Amino acid sequence: MCTALPFEYIQQADLRSVLMPSLVLVLLKNEAGVEAIRNEFCLSWLVTYLKDALKQSEKYKNFSYMLSPKYWLEALEYFENKTQPVVSNL
């Protein structure tokens, strides 16, 4: 399952423009938060959102008011790392 949220928050641009920046801000460098939401939400959607924001920053002005664009790449790298499978050394 990729989301327990109503799917409209992923599909509709106006709802997505509120949800995604909020999740980026709440979950960035928040290991406990990432673990808490991991089974309820696909972190890869945050990765996609951040990649789009980096490519088309003029369309993401509201996001830039919440998080300075100078941190977007750092956020992208953080969430890309969190979407990688955990490899055990056992």
PDB file of N, CA and C in Angstrom:
ATOM      1  N   MET A   1       0.849  -1.180   0.000  1.00  0.00           N
ATOM      2  CA  MET A   1       0.000   0.000   0.000  1.00  0.00           C
ATOM      3  C   MET A   1       0.890   1.237   0.000  1.00  0.00           C
ATOM      4  N   CYS A   2       0.576   2.159  -0.872  1.00  0.00           N
ATOM      5  CA  CYS A   2       1.415   3.345  -0.990  1.00  0.00           C
ATOM      6  C   CYS A   2       0.842   4.560  -0.285  1.00  0.00           C
ATOM      7  N   THR A   3      -0.386   4.572   0.035  1.00  0.00           N
ATOM      8  CA  THR A   3      -0.890   5.718   0.785  1.00  0.00           C
ATOM      9  C   THR A   3      -2.181   5.391   1.502  1.00  0.00           C
ATOM     10  N   ALA A   4      -2.277   5.899   2.715  1.00  0.00           N
ATOM     11  CA  ALA A   4      -3.522   5.815   3.461  1.00  0.00           C
ATOM     12  C   ALA A   4      -4.278   7.130   3.312  1.00  0.00           C
ATOM     13  N   LEU A   5      -3.644   8.101   2.668  1.00  0.00           N
ATOM     14  CA  LEU A   5      -4.283   9.387   2.411  1.00  0.00           C
ATOM     15  C   LEU A   5      -5.253   9.249   1.253  1.00  0.00           C
ATOM     16  N   PRO A   6      -6.253  10.119   1.202  1.00  0.00           N
ATOM     17  CA  PRO A   6      -7.096  10.120  -0.002  1.00  0.00           C
ATOM     18  C   PRO A   6      -6.211  10.358  -1.228  1.00  0.00           C
ATOM     19  N   PHE A   7      -6.397   9.573  -2.263  1.00  0.00           N
ATOM     20  CA  PHE A   7      -5.530   9.631  -3.437  1.00  0.00           C
ATOM     21  C   PHE A   7      -5.578  10.988  -4.135  1.00  0.00           C
ATOM     22  N   GLU A   8      -6.625  11.769  -3.876  1.00  0.00           N
ATOM     23  CA  GLU A   8      -6.732  13.101  -4.477  1.00  0.00           C
ATOM     24  C   GLU A   8      -5.531  13.974  -4.112  1.00  0.00           C
ATOM     25  N   TYR A   9      -4.946  13.720  -2.937  1.00  0.00           N
ATOM     26  CA  TYR A   9      -3.800  14.525  -2.507  1.00  0.00           C
ATOM     27  C   TYR A   9      -2.563  14.250  -3.355  1.00  0.00           C
ATOM     28  N   ILE A  10      -2.573  13.175  -4.090  1.00  0.00           N
ATOM     29  CA  ILE A  10      -1.480  12.866  -5.002  1.00  0.00           C
ATOM     30  C   ILE A  10      -1.850  13.299  -6.414  1.00  0.00           C
ATOM     31  N   GLN A  11      -3.102  13.094  -6.792  1.00  0.00           N
ATOM     32  CA  GLN A  11      -3.551  13.369  -8.151  1.00  0.00           C
ATOM     33  C   GLN A  11      -3.768  14.849  -8.441  1.00  0.00           C
ATOM     34  N   GLN A  12      -4.389  15.568  -7.534  1.00  0.00           N
ATOM     35  CA  GLN A  12      -4.789  16.953  -7.806  1.00  0.00           C
ATOM     36  C   GLN A  12      -3.665  17.924  -7.452  1.00  0.00           C
ATOM     37  N   ALA A  13      -3.291  18.735  -8.427  1.00  0.00           N
ATOM     38  CA  ALA A  13      -2.149  19.645  -8.261  1.00  0.00           C
ATOM     39  C   ALA A  13      -2.323  20.592  -7.080  1.00  0.00           C
ATOM     40  N   ASP A  14      -3.532  21.117  -6.874  1.00  0.00           N
ATOM     41  CA  ASP A  14      -3.725  22.072  -5.772  1.00  0.00           C
ATOM     42  C   ASP A  14      -3.542  21.406  -4.412  1.00  0.00           C
ATOM     43  N   LEU A  15      -4.017  20.188  -4.254  1.00  0.00           N
ATOM     44  CA  LEU A  15      -3.838  19.467  -2.990  1.00  0.00           C
ATOM     45  C   LEU A  15      -2.401  18.976  -2.837  1.00  0.00           C
ATOM     46  N   ARG A  16      -1.808  18.523  -3.933  1.00  0.00           N
ATOM     47  CA  ARG A  16      -0.420  18.061  -3.916  1.00  0.00           C
ATOM     48  C   ARG A  16       0.523  19.204  -3.541  1.00  0.00           C
ATOM     49  N   SER A  17       0.200  20.426  -3.990  1.00  0.00           N
ATOM     50  CA  SER A  17       1.069  21.572  -3.709  1.00  0.00           C
ATOM     51  C   SER A  17       1.051  21.961  -2.234  1.00  0.00           C
ATOM     52  N   VAL A  18       0.096  21.453  -1.490  1.00  0.00           N
ATOM     53  CA  VAL A  18       0.057  21.659  -0.036  1.00  0.00           C
ATOM     54  C   VAL A  18       0.700  20.470   0.676  1.00  0.00           C
ATOM     55  N   LEU A  19       0.341  19.269   0.257  1.00  0.00           N
ATOM     56  CA  LEU A  19       0.816  18.060   0.926  1.00  0.00           C
ATOM     57  C   LEU A  19       2.324  17.851   0.794  1.00  0.00           C
ATOM     58  N   MET A  20       2.830  17.888  -0.417  1.00  0.00           N
ATOM     59  CA  MET A  20       4.238  17.538  -0.637  1.00  0.00           C
ATOM     60  C   MET A  20       5.208  18.468   0.094  1.00  0.00           C
ATOM     61  N   PRO A  21       5.063  19.789  -0.030  1.00  0.00           N
ATOM     62  CA  PRO A  21       5.985  20.653   0.726  1.00  0.00           C
ATOM     63  C   PRO A  21       5.887  20.437   2.229  1.00  0.00           C
ATOM     64  N   SER A  22       4.671  20.204   2.711  1.00  0.00           N
ATOM     65  CA  SER A  22       4.488  19.961   4.145  1.00  0.00           C
ATOM     66  C   SER A  22       5.229  18.705   4.577  1.00  0.00           C
ATOM     67  N   LEU A  23       5.105  17.640   3.793  1.00  0.00           N
ATOM     68  CA  LEU A  23       5.804  16.398   4.129  1.00  0.00           C
ATOM     69  C   LEU A  23       7.316  16.553   4.036  1.00  0.00           C
ATOM     70  N   VAL A  24       7.788  17.275   3.027  1.00  0.00           N
ATOM     71  CA  VAL A  24       9.234  17.508   2.917  1.00  0.00           C
ATOM     72  C   VAL A  24       9.733  18.203   4.171  1.00  0.00           C
ATOM     73  N   LEU A  25       9.034  19.245   4.589  1.00  0.00           N
ATOM     74  CA  LEU A  25       9.470  20.006   5.762  1.00  0.00           C
ATOM     75  C   LEU A  25       9.420  19.181   7.039  1.00  0.00           C
ATOM     76  N   VAL A  26       8.386  18.400   7.210  1.00  0.00           N
ATOM     77  CA  VAL A  26       8.225  17.613   8.434  1.00  0.00           C
ATOM     78  C   VAL A  26       9.195  16.431   8.476  1.00  0.00           C
ATOM     79  N   LEU A  27       9.453  15.820   7.337  1.00  0.00           N
ATOM     80  CA  LEU A  27      10.232  14.581   7.312  1.00  0.00           C
ATOM     81  C   LEU A  27      11.724  14.764   7.044  1.00  0.00           C
ATOM     82  N   LEU A  28      12.136  15.914   6.541  1.00  0.00           N
ATOM     83  CA  LEU A  28      13.544  16.128   6.215  1.00  0.00           C
ATOM     84  C   LEU A  28      14.405  15.994   7.460  1.00  0.00           C
ATOM     85  N   LYS A  29      15.337  15.042   7.415  1.00  0.00           N
ATOM     86  CA  LYS A  29      16.249  14.736   8.524  1.00  0.00           C
ATOM     87  C   LYS A  29      15.511  14.317   9.791  1.00  0.00           C
ATOM     88  N   ASN A  30      14.348  13.714   9.616  1.00  0.00           N
ATOM     89  CA  ASN A  30      13.524  13.251  10.729  1.00  0.00           C
ATOM     90  C   ASN A  30      13.358  11.736  10.589  1.00  0.00           C
ATOM     91  N   GLU A  31      14.337  11.003  11.084  1.00  0.00           N
ATOM     92  CA  GLU A  31      14.345   9.543  10.939  1.00  0.00           C
ATOM     93  C   GLU A  31      13.083   8.901  11.516  1.00  0.00           C
ATOM     94  N   ALA A  32      12.668   9.357  12.683  1.00  0.00           N
ATOM     95  CA  ALA A  32      11.470   8.787  13.316  1.00  0.00           C
ATOM     96  C   ALA A  32      10.235   9.059  12.467  1.00  0.00           C
ATOM     97  N   GLY A  33      10.144  10.251  11.908  1.00  0.00           N
ATOM     98  CA  GLY A  33       9.012  10.596  11.055  1.00  0.00           C
ATOM     99  C   GLY A  33       8.978   9.764   9.789  1.00  0.00           C
ATOM    100  N   VAL A  34      10.137   9.580   9.177  1.00  0.00           N
ATOM    101  CA  VAL A  34      10.224   8.763   7.961  1.00  0.00           C
ATOM    102  C   VAL A  34       9.792   7.335   8.263  1.00  0.00           C
ATOM    103  N   GLU A  35      10.271   6.785   9.353  1.00  0.00           N
ATOM    104  CA  GLU A  35       9.891   5.412   9.713  1.00  0.00           C
ATOM    105  C   GLU A  35       8.399   5.309  10.017  1.00  0.00           C
ATOM    106  N   ALA A  36       7.847   6.334  10.645  1.00  0.00           N
ATOM    107  CA  ALA A  36       6.422   6.312  10.992  1.00  0.00           C
ATOM    108  C   ALA A  36       5.533   6.343   9.751  1.00  0.00           C
ATOM    109  N   ILE A  37       5.962   7.042   8.721  1.00  0.00           N
ATOM    110  CA  ILE A  37       5.110   7.199   7.533  1.00  0.00           C
ATOM    111  C   ILE A  37       5.438   6.204   6.422  1.00  0.00           C
ATOM    112  N   ARG A  38       6.565   5.542   6.529  1.00  0.00           N
ATOM    113  CA  ARG A  38       7.060   4.667   5.455  1.00  0.00           C
ATOM    114  C   ARG A  38       6.011   3.665   4.950  1.00  0.00           C
ATOM    115  N   ASN A  39       5.208   3.088   5.826  1.00  0.00           N
ATOM    116  CA  ASN A  39       4.211   2.094   5.411  1.00  0.00           C
ATOM    117  C   ASN A  39       2.897   2.709   4.955  1.00  0.00           C
ATOM    118  N   GLU A  40       2.772   4.028   5.098  1.00  0.00           N
ATOM    119  CA  GLU A  40       1.524   4.702   4.746  1.00  0.00           C
ATOM    120  C   GLU A  40       1.650   5.584   3.507  1.00  0.00           C
ATOM    121  N   PHE A  41       2.880   5.855   3.087  1.00  0.00           N
ATOM    122  CA  PHE A  41       3.101   6.819   2.012  1.00  0.00           C
ATOM    123  C   PHE A  41       4.368   6.441   1.251  1.00  0.00           C
ATOM    124  N   CYS A  42       4.317   6.501  -0.060  1.00  0.00           N
ATOM    125  CA  CYS A  42       5.494   6.206  -0.890  1.00  0.00           C
ATOM    126  C   CYS A  42       6.440   7.398  -0.888  1.00  0.00           C
ATOM    127  N   LEU A  43       7.586   7.216  -0.280  1.00  0.00           N
ATOM    128  CA  LEU A  43       8.577   8.290  -0.249  1.00  0.00           C
ATOM    129  C   LEU A  43       9.063   8.643  -1.649  1.00  0.00           C
ATOM    130  N   SER A  44       8.925   7.730  -2.585  1.00  0.00           N
ATOM    131  CA  SER A  44       9.337   8.021  -3.964  1.00  0.00           C
ATOM    132  C   SER A  44       8.520   9.169  -4.555  1.00  0.00           C
ATOM    133  N   TRP A  45       7.305   9.400  -4.037  1.00  0.00           N
ATOM    134  CA  TRP A  45       6.520  10.544  -4.507  1.00  0.00           C
ATOM    135  C   TRP A  45       7.178  11.860  -4.095  1.00  0.00           C
ATOM    136  N   LEU A  46       7.823  11.879  -2.936  1.00  0.00           N
ATOM    137  CA  LEU A  46       8.565  13.077  -2.530  1.00  0.00           C
ATOM    138  C   LEU A  46       9.772  13.277  -3.436  1.00  0.00           C
ATOM    139  N   VAL A  47      10.421  12.188  -3.798  1.00  0.00           N
ATOM    140  CA  VAL A  47      11.571  12.262  -4.705  1.00  0.00           C
ATOM    141  C   VAL A  47      11.129  12.855  -6.043  1.00  0.00           C
ATOM    142  N   THR A  48      10.040  12.360  -6.581  1.00  0.00           N
ATOM    143  CA  THR A  48       9.520  12.871  -7.852  1.00  0.00           C
ATOM    144  C   THR A  48       9.162  14.343  -7.740  1.00  0.00           C
ATOM    145  N   TYR A  49       8.508  14.716  -6.653  1.00  0.00           N
ATOM    146  CA  TYR A  49       8.132  16.117  -6.439  1.00  0.00           C
ATOM    147  C   TYR A  49       9.373  17.009  -6.419  1.00  0.00           C
ATOM    148  N   LEU A  50      10.396  16.598  -5.688  1.00  0.00           N
ATOM    149  CA  LEU A  50      11.618  17.397  -5.587  1.00  0.00           C
ATOM    150  C   LEU A  50      12.360  17.469  -6.922  1.00  0.00           C
ATOM    151  N   LYS A  51      12.389  16.392  -7.678  1.00  0.00           N
ATOM    152  CA  LYS A  51      13.023  16.421  -9.003  1.00  0.00           C
ATOM    153  C   LYS A  51      12.298  17.404  -9.915  1.00  0.00           C
ATOM    154  N   ASP A  52      10.980  17.366  -9.878  1.00  0.00           N
ATOM    155  CA  ASP A  52      10.195  18.305 -10.685  1.00  0.00           C
ATOM    156  C   ASP A  52      10.448  19.743 -10.253  1.00  0.00           C
ATOM    157  N   ALA A  53      10.525  19.966  -8.955  1.00  0.00           N
ATOM    158  CA  ALA A  53      10.775  21.313  -8.436  1.00  0.00           C
ATOM    159  C   ALA A  53      12.137  21.824  -8.894  1.00  0.00           C
ATOM    160  N   LEU A  54      13.140  20.962  -8.884  1.00  0.00           N
ATOM    161  CA  LEU A  54      14.477  21.363  -9.325  1.00  0.00           C
ATOM    162  C   LEU A  54      14.513  21.680 -10.818  1.00  0.00           C
ATOM    163  N   LYS A  55      13.731  20.960 -11.604  1.00  0.00           N
ATOM    164  CA  LYS A  55      13.705  21.179 -13.055  1.00  0.00           C
ATOM    165  C   LYS A  55      12.887  22.407 -13.443  1.00  0.00           C
ATOM    166  N   GLN A  56      11.821  22.671 -12.686  1.00  0.00           N
ATOM    167  CA  GLN A  56      10.875  23.731 -13.047  1.00  0.00           C
ATOM    168  C   GLN A  56      10.621  24.646 -11.857  1.00  0.00           C
ATOM    169  N   SER A  57      11.662  25.220 -11.327  1.00  0.00           N
ATOM    170  CA  SER A  57      11.544  25.984 -10.080  1.00  0.00           C
ATOM    171  C   SER A  57      10.534  27.123 -10.160  1.00  0.00           C
ATOM    172  N   GLU A  58      10.338  27.704 -11.344  1.00  0.00           N
ATOM    173  CA  GLU A  58       9.379  28.807 -11.470  1.00  0.00           C
ATOM    174  C   GLU A  58       7.947  28.360 -11.188  1.00  0.00           C
ATOM    175  N   LYS A  59       7.654  27.086 -11.372  1.00  0.00           N
ATOM    176  CA  LYS A  59       6.312  26.560 -11.095  1.00  0.00           C
ATOM    177  C   LYS A  59       6.134  26.178  -9.627  1.00  0.00           C
ATOM    178  N   TYR A  60       7.201  26.260  -8.851  1.00  0.00           N
ATOM    179  CA  TYR A  60       7.172  25.825  -7.456  1.00  0.00           C
ATOM    180  C   TYR A  60       7.460  26.987  -6.507  1.00  0.00           C
ATOM    181  N   LYS A  61       6.949  28.163  -6.846  1.00  0.00           N
ATOM    182  CA  LYS A  61       7.205  29.349  -6.017  1.00  0.00           C
ATOM    183  C   LYS A  61       6.706  29.173  -4.593  1.00  0.00           C
ATOM    184  N   ASN A  62       5.519  28.614  -4.422  1.00  0.00           N
ATOM    185  CA  ASN A  62       4.991  28.430  -3.064  1.00  0.00           C
ATOM    186  C   ASN A  62       5.907  27.539  -2.236  1.00  0.00           C
ATOM    187  N   PHE A  63       6.463  26.519  -2.859  1.00  0.00           N
ATOM    188  CA  PHE A  63       7.403  25.643  -2.165  1.00  0.00           C
ATOM    189  C   PHE A  63       8.653  26.422  -1.772  1.00  0.00           C
ATOM    190  N   SER A  64       9.095  27.316  -2.646  1.00  0.00           N
ATOM    191  CA  SER A  64      10.306  28.093  -2.346  1.00  0.00           C
ATOM    192  C   SER A  64      10.099  29.038  -1.172  1.00  0.00           C
ATOM    193  N   TYR A  65       8.852  29.413  -0.899  1.00  0.00           N
ATOM    194  CA  TYR A  65       8.565  30.241   0.281  1.00  0.00           C
ATOM    195  C   TYR A  65       8.661  29.410   1.559  1.00  0.00           C
ATOM    196  N   MET A  66       8.408  28.115   1.445  1.00  0.00           N
ATOM    197  CA  MET A  66       8.450  27.229   2.607  1.00  0.00           C
ATOM    198  C   MET A  66       9.856  26.704   2.879  1.00  0.00           C
ATOM    199  N   LEU A  67      10.579  26.380   1.811  1.00  0.00           N
ATOM    200  CA  LEU A  67      11.933  25.841   1.930  1.00  0.00           C
ATOM    201  C   LEU A  67      12.777  26.470   0.828  1.00  0.00           C
ATOM    202  N   SER A  68      13.826  27.137   1.221  1.00  0.00           N
ATOM    203  CA  SER A  68      14.696  27.805   0.250  1.00  0.00           C
ATOM    204  C   SER A  68      15.184  26.807  -0.800  1.00  0.00           C
ATOM    205  N   PRO A  69      15.146  27.199  -2.074  1.00  0.00           N
ATOM    206  CA  PRO A  69      15.618  26.304  -3.133  1.00  0.00           C
ATOM    207  C   PRO A  69      17.050  25.806  -2.931  1.00  0.00           C
ATOM    208  N   LYS A  70      17.843  26.513  -2.157  1.00  0.00           N
ATOM    209  CA  LYS A  70      19.216  26.045  -1.936  1.00  0.00           C
ATOM    210  C   LYS A  70      19.248  24.727  -1.153  1.00  0.00           C
ATOM    211  N   TYR A  71      18.131  24.349  -0.518  1.00  0.00           N
ATOM    212  CA  TYR A  71      18.047  23.090   0.237  1.00  0.00           C
ATOM    213  C   TYR A  71      17.342  21.972  -0.533  1.00  0.00           C
ATOM    214  N   TRP A  72      16.831  22.262  -1.711  1.00  0.00           N
ATOM    215  CA  TRP A  72      16.062  21.269  -2.449  1.00  0.00           C
ATOM    216  C   TRP A  72      16.903  20.061  -2.845  1.00  0.00           C
ATOM    217  N   LEU A  73      18.107  20.281  -3.304  1.00  0.00           N
ATOM    218  CA  LEU A  73      18.962  19.158  -3.704  1.00  0.00           C
ATOM    219  C   LEU A  73      19.315  18.296  -2.498  1.00  0.00           C
ATOM    220  N   GLU A  74      19.590  18.940  -1.381  1.00  0.00           N
ATOM    221  CA  GLU A  74      19.869  18.197  -0.145  1.00  0.00           C
ATOM    222  C   GLU A  74      18.666  17.343   0.243  1.00  0.00           C
ATOM    223  N   ALA A  75      17.471  17.912   0.136  1.00  0.00           N
ATOM    224  CA  ALA A  75      16.246  17.172   0.454  1.00  0.00           C
ATOM    225  C   ALA A  75      16.066  16.005  -0.517  1.00  0.00           C
ATOM    226  N   LEU A  76      16.312  16.248  -1.796  1.00  0.00           N
ATOM    227  CA  LEU A  76      16.198  15.186  -2.794  1.00  0.00           C
ATOM    228  C   LEU A  76      17.136  14.032  -2.461  1.00  0.00           C
ATOM    229  N   GLU A  77      18.369  14.333  -2.161  1.00  0.00           N
ATOM    230  CA  GLU A  77      19.339  13.284  -1.827  1.00  0.00           C
ATOM    231  C   GLU A  77      18.924  12.518  -0.575  1.00  0.00           C
ATOM    232  N   TYR A  78      18.406  13.228   0.411  1.00  0.00           N
ATOM    233  CA  TYR A  78      17.955  12.585   1.649  1.00  0.00           C
ATOM    234  C   TYR A  78      16.840  11.581   1.350  1.00  0.00           C
ATOM    235  N   PHE A  79      15.819  12.018   0.605  1.00  0.00           N
ATOM    236  CA  PHE A  79      14.685  11.134   0.342  1.00  0.00           C
ATOM    237  C   PHE A  79      15.030  10.036  -0.661  1.00  0.00           C
ATOM    238  N   GLU A  80      15.929  10.300  -1.599  1.00  0.00           N
ATOM    239  CA  GLU A  80      16.383   9.224  -2.489  1.00  0.00           C
ATOM    240  C   GLU A  80      17.059   8.130  -1.671  1.00  0.00           C
ATOM    241  N   ASN A  81      17.854   8.531  -0.711  1.00  0.00           N
ATOM    242  CA  ASN A  81      18.521   7.568   0.166  1.00  0.00           C
ATOM    243  C   ASN A  81      17.501   6.754   0.962  1.00  0.00           C
ATOM    244  N   LYS A  82      16.421   7.388   1.364  1.00  0.00           N
ATOM    245  CA  LYS A  82      15.394   6.702   2.161  1.00  0.00           C
ATOM    246  C   LYS A  82      14.547   5.749   1.330  1.00  0.00           C
ATOM    247  N   THR A  83      14.559   5.900   0.015  1.00  0.00           N
ATOM    248  CA  THR A  83      13.778   4.994  -0.830  1.00  0.00           C
ATOM    249  C   THR A  83      14.578   3.772  -1.251  1.00  0.00           C
ATOM    250  N   GLN A  84      15.875   3.766  -0.951  1.00  0.00           N
ATOM    251  CA  GLN A  84      16.720   2.620  -1.291  1.00  0.00           C
ATOM    252  C   GLN A  84      16.438   1.471  -0.325  1.00  0.00           C
ATOM    253  N   PRO A  85      16.442   0.249  -0.822  1.00  0.00           N
ATOM    254  CA  PRO A  85      16.244  -0.896   0.074  1.00  0.00           C
ATOM    255  C   PRO A  85      17.374  -0.984   1.098  1.00  0.00           C
ATOM    256  N   VAL A  86      17.020  -1.386   2.280  1.00  0.00           N
ATOM    257  CA  VAL A  86      18.006  -1.562   3.344  1.00  0.00           C
ATOM    258  C   VAL A  86      18.703  -2.897   3.124  1.00  0.00           C
ATOM    259  N   VAL A  87      20.022  -2.868   3.077  1.00  0.00           N
ATOM    260  CA  VAL A  87      20.811  -4.082   2.861  1.00  0.00           C
ATOM    261  C   VAL A  87      21.386  -4.521   4.196  1.00  0.00           C
ATOM    262  N   SER A  88      21.140  -5.759   4.532  1.00  0.00           N
ATOM    263  CA  SER A  88      21.638  -6.310   5.787  1.00  0.00           C
ATOM    264  C   SER A  88      22.998  -6.952   5.564  1.00  0.00           C
ATOM    265  N   ASN A  89      23.864  -6.819   6.538  1.00  0.00           N
ATOM    266  CA  ASN A  89      25.185  -7.449   6.476  1.00  0.00           C
ATOM    267  C   ASN A  89      25.190  -8.821   7.144  1.00  0.00           C
ATOM    268  N   LEU A  90      24.028  -9.345   7.445  1.00  0.00           N
ATOM    269  CA  LEU A  90      23.948 -10.644   8.122  1.00  0.00           C
ATOM    270  C   LEU A  90      24.212 -11.785   7.186  1.00  0.00           C
TER     271      LEU A  90
END
